[in-house]
C-alpha atoms as a PDB file:
ATOM      1  CA  UNK A   1     -96.738 -79.029 127.417  1.00  0.00           C
ATOM      2  CA  UNK A   2     -95.718 -76.067 129.393  1.00  0.00           C
ATOM      3  CA  UNK A   3     -96.739 -72.508 128.295  1.00  0.00           C
ATOM      4  CA  UNK A   4     -93.724 -70.854 130.133  1.00  0.00           C
ATOM      5  CA  UNK A   5     -91.359 -73.186 127.685  1.00  0.00           C
ATOM      6  CA  UNK A   6     -89.047 -71.226 125.500  1.00  0.00           C
ATOM      7  CA  UNK A   7     -90.783 -70.401 121.681  1.00  0.00           C
ATOM      8  CA  UNK A   8     -86.849 -71.041 120.443  1.00  0.00           C
ATOM      9  CA  UNK A   9     -87.650 -75.141 121.727  1.00  0.00           C
ATOM     10  CA  UNK A  10     -91.006 -75.294 119.288  1.00  0.00           C
ATOM     11  CA  UNK A  11     -88.977 -73.707 116.410  1.00  0.00           C
ATOM     12  CA  UNK A  12     -85.848 -76.097 117.224  1.00  0.00           C
ATOM     13  CA  UNK A  13     -88.053 -79.291 116.981  1.00  0.00           C
ATOM     14  CA  UNK A  14     -89.800 -77.646 113.241  1.00  0.00           C
ATOM     15  CA  UNK A  15     -87.524 -78.904 110.002  1.00  0.00           C
ATOM     16  CA  UNK A  16     -84.137 -76.698 108.882  1.00  0.00           C
ATOM     17  CA  UNK A  17     -85.523 -73.984 106.044  1.00  0.00           C
ATOM     18  CA  UNK A  18     -83.008 -72.455 103.762  1.00  0.00           C
ATOM     19  CA  UNK A  19     -82.684 -69.301 102.295  1.00  0.00           C
ATOM     20  CA  UNK A  20     -83.417 -69.451  98.308  1.00  0.00           C
ATOM     21  CA  UNK A  21     -80.555 -67.877  96.080  1.00  0.00           C
ATOM     22  CA  UNK A  22     -81.266 -64.776  94.178  1.00  0.00           C
ATOM     23  CA  UNK A  23     -82.543 -64.766  90.456  1.00  0.00           C
ATOM     24  CA  UNK A  24     -80.376 -64.791  87.834  1.00  0.00           C
ATOM     25  CA  UNK A  25     -80.097 -62.047  86.081  1.00  0.00           C
ATOM     26  CA  UNK A  26     -79.842 -61.865  81.961  1.00  0.00           C
ATOM     27  CA  UNK A  27     -75.880 -61.699  80.661  1.00  0.00           C
ATOM     28  CA  UNK A  28     -77.606 -58.603  78.390  1.00  0.00           C
ATOM     29  CA  UNK A  29     -81.126 -57.717  79.817  1.00  0.00           C
ATOM     30  CA  UNK A  30     -83.712 -56.216  77.118  1.00  0.00           C
ATOM     31  CA  UNK A  31     -84.744 -52.300  78.023  1.00  0.00           C
ATOM     32  CA  UNK A  32     -88.250 -52.584  79.473  1.00  0.00           C
ATOM     33  CA  UNK A  33     -90.382 -50.852  77.288  1.00  0.00           C
ATOM     34  CA  UNK A  34     -93.553 -48.498  77.864  1.00  0.00           C
ATOM     35  CA  UNK A  35     -96.623 -49.077  77.411  1.00  0.00           C
ATOM     36  CA  UNK A  36     -96.258 -47.093  73.838  1.00  0.00           C
ATOM     37  CA  UNK A  37     -93.331 -47.486  72.878  1.00  0.00           C
ATOM     38  CA  UNK A  38     -93.775 -49.080  68.962  1.00  0.00           C
ATOM     39  CA  UNK A  39     -91.604 -51.876  68.493  1.00  0.00           C
ATOM     40  CA  UNK A  40     -87.690 -51.339  66.995  1.00  0.00           C
ATOM     41  CA  UNK A  41     -88.681 -51.620  62.380  1.00  0.00           C
ATOM     42  CA  UNK A  42     -85.464 -53.559  60.819  1.00  0.00           C
ATOM     43  CA  UNK A  43     -85.046 -53.077  56.852  1.00  0.00           C
ATOM     44  CA  UNK A  44     -84.717 -57.156  56.034  1.00  0.00           C
ATOM     45  CA  UNK A  45     -87.385 -57.798  53.179  1.00  0.00           C
ATOM     46  CA  UNK A  46     -88.396 -56.155  49.788  1.00  0.00           C
ATOM     47  CA  UNK A  47     -88.527 -52.874  51.623  1.00  0.00           C
ATOM     48  CA  UNK A  48     -84.936 -53.031  53.126  1.00  0.00           C
ATOM     49  CA  UNK A  49     -83.754 -54.235  49.768  1.00  0.00           C
ATOM     50  CA  UNK A  50     -85.463 -51.253  47.624  1.00  0.00           C
ATOM     51  CA  UNK A  51     -83.474 -48.611  50.180  1.00  0.00           C
ATOM     52  CA  UNK A  52     -80.299 -51.029  49.670  1.00  0.00           C
ATOM     53  CA  UNK A  53     -80.237 -49.631  45.951  1.00  0.00           C
ATOM     54  CA  UNK A  54     -81.198 -46.049  46.250  1.00  0.00           C
ATOM     55  CA  UNK A  55     -78.164 -45.371  48.893  1.00  0.00           C
ATOM     56  CA  UNK A  56     -75.794 -47.368  46.327  1.00  0.00           C
ATOM     57  CA  UNK A  57     -77.088 -45.099  43.443  1.00  0.00           C
ATOM     58  CA  UNK A  58     -77.292 -42.386  45.720  1.00  0.00           C
ATOM     59  CA  UNK A  59     -73.359 -43.371  46.554  1.00  0.00           C
ATOM     60  CA  UNK A  60     -72.146 -44.506  42.963  1.00  0.00           C
ATOM     61  CA  UNK A  61     -73.345 -40.849  41.639  1.00  0.00           C
ATOM     62  CA  UNK A  62     -71.794 -38.742  44.167  1.00  0.00           C
ATOM     63  CA  UNK A  63     -68.327 -40.526  43.106  1.00  0.00           C
ATOM     64  CA  UNK A  64     -69.491 -40.355  39.519  1.00  0.00           C
ATOM     65  CA  UNK A  65     -69.861 -36.202  39.986  1.00  0.00           C
ATOM     66  CA  UNK A  66     -66.523 -35.958  41.414  1.00  0.00           C
ATOM     67  CA  UNK A  67     -64.554 -37.573  38.999  1.00  0.00           C
ATOM     68  CA  UNK A  68     -65.937 -35.819  36.603  1.00  0.00           C
ATOM     69  CA  UNK A  69     -65.383 -32.624  38.056  1.00  0.00           C
ATOM     70  CA  UNK A  70     -61.723 -33.552  38.742  1.00  0.00           C
ATOM     71  CA  UNK A  71     -61.558 -34.464  35.078  1.00  0.00           C
ATOM     72  CA  UNK A  72     -62.569 -31.306  34.151  1.00  0.00           C
ATOM     73  CA  UNK A  73     -60.474 -29.432  36.314  1.00  0.00           C
ATOM     74  CA  UNK A  74     -57.360 -31.044  34.395  1.00  0.00           C
ATOM     75  CA  UNK A  75     -57.111 -30.511  30.157  1.00  0.00           C
ATOM     76  CA  UNK A  76     -55.866 -32.998  28.643  1.00  0.00           C
ATOM     77  CA  UNK A  77     -52.170 -32.021  26.774  1.00  0.00           C
ATOM     78  CA  UNK A  78     -53.232 -30.783  23.089  1.00  0.00           C
ATOM     79  CA  UNK A  79     -55.913 -28.125  25.188  1.00  0.00           C
ATOM     80  CA  UNK A  80     -52.728 -27.361  27.372  1.00  0.00           C
ATOM     81  CA  UNK A  81     -50.467 -26.482  24.811  1.00  0.00           C
ATOM     82  CA  UNK A  82     -53.102 -24.757  22.101  1.00  0.00           C
ATOM     83  CA  UNK A  83     -53.209 -22.365  25.508  1.00  0.00           C
ATOM     84  CA  UNK A  84     -52.461 -18.598  25.407  1.00  0.00           C
ATOM     85  CA  UNK A  85     -49.650 -16.403  27.023  1.00  0.00           C
ATOM     86  CA  UNK A  86     -50.477 -13.888  28.234  1.00  0.00           C
ATOM     87  CA  UNK A  87     -48.088 -11.679  26.132  1.00  0.00           C
ATOM     88  CA  UNK A  88     -50.310 -11.775  23.147  1.00  0.00           C
ATOM     89  CA  UNK A  89     -51.975 -14.548  20.835  1.00  0.00           C
ATOM     90  CA  UNK A  90     -51.788 -18.168  20.615  1.00  0.00           C
ATOM     91  CA  UNK A  91     -48.390 -19.269  18.837  1.00  0.00           C
ATOM     92  CA  UNK A  92     -48.785 -21.993  16.196  1.00  0.00           C
ATOM     93  CA  UNK A  93     -45.765 -23.950  15.287  1.00  0.00           C
ATOM     94  CA  UNK A  94     -44.034 -23.708  11.393  1.00  0.00           C
ATOM     95  CA  UNK A  95     -44.938 -25.949   9.003  1.00  0.00           C
ATOM     96  CA  UNK A  96     -47.715 -25.924   5.949  1.00  0.00           C
ATOM     97  CA  UNK A  97     -51.000 -24.732   6.975  1.00  0.00           C
ATOM     98  CA  UNK A  98     -54.130 -26.389   5.964  1.00  0.00           C
ATOM     99  CA  UNK A  99     -55.735 -26.336   2.570  1.00  0.00           C
ATOM    100  CA  UNK A 100     -52.306 -27.499   0.072  1.00  0.00           C
ATOM    101  CA  UNK A 101     -50.782 -24.660   1.431  1.00  0.00           C
ATOM    102  CA  UNK A 102     -46.573 -24.766  -0.302  1.00  0.00           C
ATOM    103  CA  UNK A 103     -44.788 -21.912   1.968  1.00  0.00           C
ATOM    104  CA  UNK A 104     -43.867 -24.086   5.112  1.00  0.00           C
ATOM    105  CA  UNK A 105     -42.422 -21.167   7.307  1.00  0.00           C
ATOM    106  CA  UNK A 106     -46.111 -19.770   6.359  1.00  0.00           C
ATOM    107  CA  UNK A 107     -46.079 -17.950  10.168  1.00  0.00           C
ATOM    108  CA  UNK A 108     -42.954 -17.129  10.817  1.00  0.00           C
ATOM    109  CA  UNK A 109     -43.006 -18.381  14.856  1.00  0.00           C
ATOM    110  CA  UNK A 110     -39.420 -19.470  15.447  1.00  0.00           C
ATOM    111  CA  UNK A 111     -37.667 -17.906  12.865  1.00  0.00           C
ATOM    112  CA  UNK A 112     -37.177 -16.682   8.934  1.00  0.00           C
ATOM    113  CA  UNK A 113     -36.441 -19.652   8.373  1.00  0.00           C
ATOM    114  CA  UNK A 114     -36.006 -21.253   4.365  1.00  0.00           C
ATOM    115  CA  UNK A 115     -36.878 -16.784   3.536  1.00  0.00           C
ATOM    116  CA  UNK A 116     -34.289 -14.700   2.141  1.00  0.00           C
ATOM    117  CA  UNK A 117     -33.873 -10.965   3.350  1.00  0.00           C
ATOM    118  CA  UNK A 118     -33.662  -8.498  -0.447  1.00  0.00           C
ATOM    119  CA  UNK A 119     -31.990  -5.517  -0.418  1.00  0.00           C
ATOM    120  CA  UNK A 120     -30.238  -3.633   2.571  1.00  0.00           C
ATOM    121  CA  UNK A 121     -31.833  -4.808   5.433  1.00  0.00           C
ATOM    122  CA  UNK A 122     -31.512  -7.291   8.522  1.00  0.00           C
ATOM    123  CA  UNK A 123     -34.988  -9.514   8.737  1.00  0.00           C
ATOM    124  CA  UNK A 124     -36.100 -11.316  11.693  1.00  0.00           C
ATOM    125  CA  UNK A 125     -38.820 -12.610  14.024  1.00  0.00           C
ATOM    126  CA  UNK A 126     -41.200  -9.919  15.389  1.00  0.00           C
ATOM    127  CA  UNK A 127     -43.129 -10.862  18.233  1.00  0.00           C
ATOM    128  CA  UNK A 128     -46.866  -9.891  17.604  1.00  0.00           C
ATOM    129  CA  UNK A 129     -48.098 -11.853  14.274  1.00  0.00           C
ATOM    130  CA  UNK A 130     -51.857 -11.288  12.941  1.00  0.00           C
ATOM    131  CA  UNK A 131     -53.128 -13.847  14.551  1.00  0.00           C
ATOM    132  CA  UNK A 132     -50.577 -15.723  16.104  1.00  0.00           C
ATOM    133  CA  UNK A 133     -47.759 -14.960  18.950  1.00  0.00           C
ATOM    134  CA  UNK A 134     -44.860 -13.802  15.984  1.00  0.00           C
ATOM    135  CA  UNK A 135     -44.466 -12.235  12.355  1.00  0.00           C
ATOM    136  CA  UNK A 136     -41.972 -11.430   9.961  1.00  0.00           C
ATOM    137  CA  UNK A 137     -39.391  -8.242  10.261  1.00  0.00           C
ATOM    138  CA  UNK A 138     -37.062  -6.732   7.428  1.00  0.00           C
ATOM    139  CA  UNK A 139     -35.649  -3.386   8.688  1.00  0.00           C
ATOM    140  CA  UNK A 140     -33.824  -1.212   5.711  1.00  0.00           C
ATOM    141  CA  UNK A 141     -30.632   0.018   6.740  1.00  0.00           C
ATOM    142  CA  UNK A 142     -28.881   1.754   3.548  1.00  0.00           C
ATOM    143  CA  UNK A 143     -28.416   5.191   3.414  1.00  0.00           C
ATOM    144  CA  UNK A 144     -31.088   6.085   1.631  1.00  0.00           C
ATOM    145  CA  UNK A 145     -34.529   4.757   0.677  1.00  0.00           C
ATOM    146  CA  UNK A 146     -34.222   1.438  -0.840  1.00  0.00           C
ATOM    147  CA  UNK A 147     -35.829  -1.144  -1.977  1.00  0.00           C
ATOM    148  CA  UNK A 148     -36.777  -4.293   0.875  1.00  0.00           C
ATOM    149  CA  UNK A 149     -38.630  -7.557   1.692  1.00  0.00           C
ATOM    150  CA  UNK A 150     -38.189 -11.267   1.729  1.00  0.00           C
ATOM    151  CA  UNK A 151     -38.427 -13.696  -0.877  1.00  0.00           C
ATOM    152  CA  UNK A 152     -38.322 -17.898  -1.257  1.00  0.00           C
ATOM    153  CA  UNK A 153     -36.622 -18.808  -4.321  1.00  0.00           C
ATOM    154  CA  UNK A 154     -38.256 -22.209  -4.961  1.00  0.00           C
ATOM    155  CA  UNK A 155     -41.662 -22.189  -3.588  1.00  0.00           C
ATOM    156  CA  UNK A 156     -42.205 -24.949  -5.957  1.00  0.00           C
ATOM    157  CA  UNK A 157     -39.706 -26.196  -7.642  1.00  0.00           C
ATOM    158  CA  UNK A 158     -41.837 -28.404 -10.430  1.00  0.00           C
ATOM    159  CA  UNK A 159     -45.112 -26.065 -11.373  1.00  0.00           C
ATOM    160  CA  UNK A 160     -46.708 -27.156 -14.633  1.00  0.00           C
ATOM    161  CA  UNK A 161     -47.157 -25.384 -17.693  1.00  0.00           C
ATOM    162  CA  UNK A 162     -51.557 -24.439 -17.450  1.00  0.00           C
ATOM    163  CA  UNK A 163     -51.251 -24.579 -13.386  1.00  0.00           C
ATOM    164  CA  UNK A 164     -52.933 -21.606 -11.778  1.00  0.00           C
ATOM    165  CA  UNK A 165     -50.966 -20.445  -7.923  1.00  0.00           C
ATOM    166  CA  UNK A 166     -52.976 -18.172  -6.276  1.00  0.00           C
ATOM    167  CA  UNK A 167     -50.754 -16.704  -2.822  1.00  0.00           C
ATOM    168  CA  UNK A 168     -51.178 -13.802  -0.530  1.00  0.00           C
ATOM    169  CA  UNK A 169     -49.978 -12.112   1.938  1.00  0.00           C
ATOM    170  CA  UNK A 170     -50.700 -10.453   5.788  1.00  0.00           C
ATOM    171  CA  UNK A 171     -48.511  -6.663   5.363  1.00  0.00           C
ATOM    172  CA  UNK A 172     -48.366  -3.619   6.971  1.00  0.00           C
ATOM    173  CA  UNK A 173     -45.341  -0.873   7.625  1.00  0.00           C
ATOM    174  CA  UNK A 174     -43.613   1.364  10.408  1.00  0.00           C
ATOM    175  CA  UNK A 175     -44.368   4.197   8.277  1.00  0.00           C
ATOM    176  CA  UNK A 176     -47.806   4.253   7.000  1.00  0.00           C
ATOM    177  CA  UNK A 177     -48.452   4.402   3.305  1.00  0.00           C
ATOM    178  CA  UNK A 178     -45.868   1.894   2.332  1.00  0.00           C
ATOM    179  CA  UNK A 179     -46.715   0.473  -1.209  1.00  0.00           C
ATOM    180  CA  UNK A 180     -46.291  -3.106  -0.736  1.00  0.00           C
ATOM    181  CA  UNK A 181     -46.065  -5.824  -3.687  1.00  0.00           C
ATOM    182  CA  UNK A 182     -46.466  -9.295  -4.024  1.00  0.00           C
ATOM    183  CA  UNK A 183     -45.457 -11.185  -7.229  1.00  0.00           C
ATOM    184  CA  UNK A 184     -45.085 -14.834  -7.853  1.00  0.00           C
ATOM    185  CA  UNK A 185     -42.002 -14.881 -10.603  1.00  0.00           C
ATOM    186  CA  UNK A 186     -41.738 -18.087 -13.288  1.00  0.00           C
ATOM    187  CA  UNK A 187     -39.153 -19.319 -16.157  1.00  0.00           C
ATOM    188  CA  UNK A 188     -35.983 -17.502 -14.156  1.00  0.00           C
ATOM    189  CA  UNK A 189     -37.959 -13.934 -13.984  1.00  0.00           C
ATOM    190  CA  UNK A 190     -38.965 -13.576 -17.313  1.00  0.00           C
ATOM    191  CA  UNK A 191     -42.904 -14.126 -16.557  1.00  0.00           C
ATOM    192  CA  UNK A 192     -44.733 -12.348 -13.382  1.00  0.00           C
ATOM    193  CA  UNK A 193     -47.554 -12.275 -11.764  1.00  0.00           C
ATOM    194  CA  UNK A 194     -47.904  -8.898  -9.214  1.00  0.00           C
ATOM    195  CA  UNK A 195     -49.992  -7.087  -6.647  1.00  0.00           C
ATOM    196  CA  UNK A 196     -49.585  -4.062  -5.085  1.00  0.00           C
ATOM    197  CA  UNK A 197     -50.517  -2.367  -2.166  1.00  0.00           C
ATOM    198  CA  UNK A 198     -50.914   0.594  -0.357  1.00  0.00           C
ATOM    199  CA  UNK A 199     -50.077  -0.281   4.270  1.00  0.00           C
ATOM    200  CA  UNK A 200     -52.061   1.688   6.650  1.00  0.00           C
ATOM    201  CA  UNK A 201     -51.545   3.180  10.464  1.00  0.00           C
ATOM    202  CA  UNK A 202     -50.613   2.105  13.527  1.00  0.00           C
ATOM    203  CA  UNK A 203     -50.976  -1.353  13.948  1.00  0.00           C
ATOM    204  CA  UNK A 204     -54.002  -2.073  10.807  1.00  0.00           C
ATOM    205  CA  UNK A 205     -52.811  -5.336   8.730  1.00  0.00           C
ATOM    206  CA  UNK A 206     -53.484  -5.435   4.814  1.00  0.00           C
ATOM    207  CA  UNK A 207     -54.396  -8.382   2.205  1.00  0.00           C
ATOM    208  CA  UNK A 208     -52.541  -8.797  -1.064  1.00  0.00           C
ATOM    209  CA  UNK A 209     -53.072 -11.336  -3.148  1.00  0.00           C
ATOM    210  CA  UNK A 210     -52.125 -12.423  -6.934  1.00  0.00           C
ATOM    211  CA  UNK A 211     -52.849 -15.616  -8.795  1.00  0.00           C
ATOM    212  CA  UNK A 212     -50.153 -16.686 -11.603  1.00  0.00           C
ATOM    213  CA  UNK A 213     -50.887 -18.826 -14.453  1.00  0.00           C
ATOM    214  CA  UNK A 214     -48.002 -21.454 -15.825  1.00  0.00           C
ATOM    215  CA  UNK A 215     -46.925 -20.641 -19.239  1.00  0.00           C
ATOM    216  CA  UNK A 216     -42.968 -22.547 -18.777  1.00  0.00           C
ATOM    217  CA  UNK A 217     -43.351 -25.340 -16.453  1.00  0.00           C
ATOM    218  CA  UNK A 218     -40.063 -24.767 -14.061  1.00  0.00           C
ATOM    219  CA  UNK A 219     -39.516 -23.602 -10.656  1.00  0.00           C
ATOM    220  CA  UNK A 220     -41.791 -20.691  -8.911  1.00  0.00           C
ATOM    221  CA  UNK A 221     -40.283 -17.767  -7.163  1.00  0.00           C
ATOM    222  CA  UNK A 222     -42.536 -15.410  -4.452  1.00  0.00           C
ATOM    223  CA  UNK A 223     -40.962 -12.217  -3.885  1.00  0.00           C
ATOM    224  CA  UNK A 224     -42.667  -9.914  -0.823  1.00  0.00           C
ATOM    225  CA  UNK A 225     -40.929  -6.295  -1.720  1.00  0.00           C
ATOM    226  CA  UNK A 226     -41.368  -2.881  -0.302  1.00  0.00           C
ATOM    227  CA  UNK A 227     -39.789  -0.020  -3.120  1.00  0.00           C
ATOM    228  CA  UNK A 228     -38.347   3.426  -1.534  1.00  0.00           C
ATOM    229  CA  UNK A 229     -38.162   2.132   2.146  1.00  0.00           C
ATOM    230  CA  UNK A 230     -36.205   4.867   4.228  1.00  0.00           C
ATOM    231  CA  UNK A 231     -33.714   4.306   6.745  1.00  0.00           C
ATOM    232  CA  UNK A 232     -35.361   2.579   9.642  1.00  0.00           C
ATOM    233  CA  UNK A 233     -38.470   1.341   8.846  1.00  0.00           C
ATOM    234  CA  UNK A 234     -39.731  -1.690   8.896  1.00  0.00           C
ATOM    235  CA  UNK A 235     -41.962  -4.170   6.780  1.00  0.00           C
ATOM    236  CA  UNK A 236     -43.660  -6.826   8.715  1.00  0.00           C
ATOM    237  CA  UNK A 237     -45.470  -9.891   6.714  1.00  0.00           C
ATOM    238  CA  UNK A 238     -47.255 -12.832   7.769  1.00  0.00           C
ATOM    239  CA  UNK A 239     -49.529 -15.816   6.899  1.00  0.00           C
ATOM    240  CA  UNK A 240     -47.822 -16.027   3.679  1.00  0.00           C
ATOM    241  CA  UNK A 241     -50.021 -18.719   1.523  1.00  0.00           C
ATOM    242  CA  UNK A 242     -48.980 -20.272  -1.581  1.00  0.00           C
ATOM    243  CA  UNK A 243     -52.009 -22.561  -3.406  1.00  0.00           C
ATOM    244  CA  UNK A 244     -51.987 -24.294  -6.531  1.00  0.00           C
ATOM    245  CA  UNK A 245     -56.080 -23.149  -8.153  1.00  0.00           C
END
């Protein structure tokens, strides 16, 4: 072969060689881990189940605590009804008190229903009772000091012979030193049991108590009276109780 022959001629006689395509790249190539990188941890197996139980318990405890707090902020119906007003003590509805009180309108929370006024006086409901929102008020209006008060014509309509009744009331007056009498009357006023107290100065209440044993069967009358009350002065009463005993 002639040495002067071009090199391309030699190359033309060699079989044709095709270029290899580049290697395909994986769709989601893994990140190359470093030499000291720890393998990833999973929560499979018993350890994962235990961790799941702990997380569920924490979530349940948080929900339960939230519910309890929200329930405590909203009191139920009776709790709201018993709340006090800024004007004074809690208001109690009229009706028989506990332990067998025979007086229905015993706390005068709405009016003087069932009661009658005695003497030249005006009866009304007045704010600030002894332990409740209001009390009974009897204001004298005569030209001279007179006897005024309140009465229940039939505190019990069928008192029996030998029965014992105990009555009590809390009283005060606008003028200190006023004598107030609580009495139970039977047999058309022929049988009388009474007790008297003297009111104290200021807004202090005083309790008067009387007991009566029935000699003649029939209705029993209750009276709460004050003698010699000047015009414009007031007798106040609250929590009147009559019980069989």
